[in-house]
Amino acid sequence: MQSSGVKGISCLLDSDIAIDFLRRRDYARKLLEHWAGEGLLAISTLTHLEIYQGMKTVEEAATNAFLDGLISVVVDIAVARRAGSILAENRAGGMTVGIADAIIAATALQLNVPLLTNNVEHYPFTGLQVVRGLEALA
């Protein structure tokens, strides 16, 4: 059987990596180039919200163009349920985590892909592969 040549999703971007790319930080450009070579880049629709809340009006066109070039993964029932389980599990263990971080982690887990972030401490979740962006290409 021949491969179609279509690659799957290689990773999920956290908002800090996307923002650093939009701010033209060199490490972020290299990081995304590397992961784009592995497959498609994805982002949670929740991350869209996080990016837009801090966006300046003059940045809108570039931001839209960048985000439109990514696979946007909606927060569906499966992701919501998984995020709820993550929150409950961590609460039972005495750890409080943010809802947004749980949703983003659940999205990466549902896709079975690594999460690219510099905020590794936000994602102490079992089974989640986290790649620290600033160190990934070192």
Protein backbone atom coordinates (compact mmCIF):
# COMPACT_ATOMS: atom_id res chain seq x y z
CA MET A 1 0.00 0.00 0.00
CA GLN A 2 1.37 3.41 -0.94
CA SER A 3 1.40 6.37 1.40
CA SER A 4 -0.72 9.32 0.35
CA GLY A 5 2.06 11.65 1.45
CA VAL A 6 -0.35 13.43 3.79
CA LYS A 7 1.16 13.95 7.21
CA GLY A 8 -0.81 14.02 10.40
CA ILE A 9 -0.63 16.55 13.20
CA SER A 10 2.87 16.69 14.66
CA CYS A 11 2.24 18.87 17.73
CA LEU A 12 -0.05 21.30 19.53
CA LEU A 13 1.17 24.86 20.12
CA ASP A 14 0.62 26.64 23.40
CA SER A 15 -0.17 30.35 23.29
CA ASP A 16 3.30 31.45 24.43
CA ILE A 17 4.97 29.74 21.45
CA ALA A 18 2.42 31.19 19.00
CA ILE A 19 2.86 34.67 20.48
CA ASP A 20 6.66 34.41 20.30
CA PHE A 21 6.36 33.38 16.64
CA LEU A 22 4.11 36.38 15.95
CA ARG A 23 6.65 38.60 17.72
CA ARG A 24 9.29 37.19 15.34
CA ARG A 25 11.41 35.51 17.99
CA ASP A 26 13.99 33.46 16.12
CA TYR A 27 13.76 30.36 18.31
CA ALA A 28 9.99 30.17 17.68
CA ARG A 29 10.45 30.40 13.91
CA LYS A 30 13.05 27.61 13.97
CA LEU A 31 10.91 25.52 16.29
CA LEU A 32 7.83 25.77 14.08
CA GLU A 33 9.87 25.10 10.94
CA HIS A 34 11.21 21.94 12.58
CA TRP A 35 7.81 20.65 13.71
CA ALA A 36 6.16 21.62 10.40
CA GLY A 37 8.67 19.26 8.77
CA GLU A 38 7.25 16.49 10.97
CA GLY A 39 3.62 17.18 10.12
CA LEU A 40 0.82 19.67 10.55
CA LEU A 41 0.88 22.24 13.35
CA ALA A 42 -2.24 22.48 15.49
CA ILE A 43 -3.63 24.92 18.01
CA SER A 44 -6.64 24.78 20.32
CA THR A 45 -9.51 27.15 19.67
CA LEU A 46 -9.04 28.17 23.30
CA THR A 47 -5.55 29.35 22.37
CA HIS A 48 -7.14 31.57 19.70
CA LEU A 49 -9.01 33.26 22.54
CA GLU A 50 -5.83 33.66 24.60
CA ILE A 51 -4.01 35.22 21.65
CA TYR A 52 -6.84 37.55 20.64
CA GLN A 53 -7.30 38.91 24.16
CA GLY A 54 -3.80 40.41 24.04
CA MET A 55 -3.63 41.31 20.35
CA LYS A 56 -3.28 44.90 19.21
CA THR A 57 -5.48 46.09 16.33
CA VAL A 58 -2.43 46.57 14.07
CA GLU A 59 -1.48 42.92 14.64
CA GLU A 60 -4.82 41.50 13.51
CA ALA A 61 -3.99 40.76 9.87
CA ALA A 62 -0.71 38.96 10.67
CA THR A 63 -2.33 37.10 13.56
CA ASN A 64 -5.25 35.95 11.40
CA ALA A 65 -2.92 34.82 8.62
CA PHE A 66 -0.79 32.82 11.05
CA LEU A 67 -3.72 31.20 12.87
CA ASP A 68 -5.49 30.41 9.60
CA GLY A 69 -2.42 28.43 8.56
CA LEU A 70 -2.72 26.09 11.55
CA ILE A 71 -5.09 23.23 12.23
CA SER A 72 -7.55 24.61 14.79
CA VAL A 73 -8.87 21.96 17.15
CA VAL A 74 -12.24 22.73 18.71
CA VAL A 75 -12.98 22.12 22.34
CA ASP A 76 -15.48 19.32 21.82
CA ILE A 77 -17.17 16.98 24.28
CA ALA A 78 -14.26 14.52 24.35
CA VAL A 79 -11.76 17.29 25.13
CA ALA A 80 -14.07 18.84 27.74
CA ARG A 81 -14.57 15.49 29.49
CA ARG A 82 -10.86 14.76 29.49
CA ALA A 83 -10.07 18.23 30.84
CA GLY A 84 -12.66 17.76 33.57
CA SER A 85 -11.06 14.47 34.54
CA ILE A 86 -7.63 16.11 34.62
CA LEU A 87 -8.94 18.87 36.90
CA ALA A 88 -10.66 16.38 39.22
CA GLU A 89 -7.61 14.12 39.40
CA ASN A 90 -5.29 17.00 40.22
CA ARG A 91 -7.71 18.47 42.77
CA ALA A 92 -7.91 15.07 44.50
CA GLY A 93 -4.11 15.12 44.64
CA GLY A 94 -4.12 18.55 46.26
CA MET A 95 -3.00 20.42 43.14
CA THR A 96 -4.92 23.30 41.61
CA VAL A 97 -4.48 23.86 37.87
CA GLY A 98 -6.09 26.33 35.53
CA ILE A 99 -9.05 25.37 33.39
CA ALA A 100 -7.38 26.70 30.23
CA ASP A 101 -4.24 24.64 30.87
CA ALA A 102 -6.34 21.52 31.49
CA ILE A 103 -8.23 22.07 28.22
CA ILE A 104 -5.03 22.56 26.22
CA ALA A 105 -3.44 19.49 27.83
CA ALA A 106 -6.58 17.45 27.14
CA THR A 107 -6.47 18.57 23.50
CA ALA A 108 -2.86 17.37 23.10
CA LEU A 109 -3.74 14.10 24.84
CA GLN A 110 -6.77 13.55 22.59
CA LEU A 111 -4.60 14.13 19.53
CA ASN A 112 -1.80 12.02 21.02
CA VAL A 113 0.79 14.67 20.14
CA PRO A 114 3.34 16.67 22.13
CA LEU A 115 2.52 20.12 23.48
CA LEU A 116 5.06 22.83 22.61
CA THR A 117 5.33 25.38 25.42
CA ASN A 118 7.79 27.29 27.54
CA ASN A 119 5.38 27.06 30.48
CA VAL A 120 6.21 23.45 31.32
CA GLU A 121 5.24 23.97 34.97
CA HIS A 122 1.63 24.62 33.87
CA TYR A 123 1.34 21.07 32.49
CA PRO A 124 2.22 18.46 35.17
CA PHE A 125 -0.27 15.98 33.72
CA THR A 126 0.23 12.24 33.53
CA GLY A 127 0.80 10.98 30.01
CA LEU A 128 1.25 14.42 28.45
CA GLN A 129 4.42 14.86 26.39
CA VAL A 130 5.62 18.43 26.88
CA VAL A 131 8.38 19.96 24.76
CA ARG A 132 9.98 23.13 26.13
CA GLY A 133 10.25 25.41 23.12
CA LEU A 134 13.32 27.34 24.21
CA GLU A 135 15.29 24.11 24.71
CA ALA A 136 13.89 21.91 21.96
CA LEU A 137 16.44 22.78 19.31
CA ALA A 138 19.46 23.11 21.60
